Amino acid sequence: MSLYTLKSTVILPSIKSPQRLRIEECTNTSLLAWMGSTTEEDVVKRLANDHLAFVAYMNNIPAAFGWMARGKATIGELGHELVLPIGNRYLWNFRTMEAFRGLGIYPALLHYII
């Protein structure tokens, strides 16, 4: 497993976001469960463990999402738990809905979160 660090002094390059794209933090458990093909209970656990979810909307339609862990994160498929140092974050479980792929939403979502 590889982890990468982005120093706070790094200036990110500007990227062109798709028109009509809006990104925001999301706590709507039913929306996040639907988008992530998981249960609302799983989403509630993630939020309770100090994880943040972000959703990208194209024309007000949910198009993509991603999670940011703070404190600790579990990588279920590897059976591994990370304890993150203070101020560190772990980005995980990103998905662009099929109808919106290839439009540049994922890079814009990453850029917004970072």
Foldseek 3Di string as FASTA:
>chain_A
DDDDDDDPPDDDDDDDAFPQKDKDWDDPLVVVCVVLVHHSVVSVVQVVQVKIKMFIDRNNHTFKMKIKGAQKDADVVVRDIDGDDPPDIDIDDIDTPPVPPPRCNVVVNVVVVD
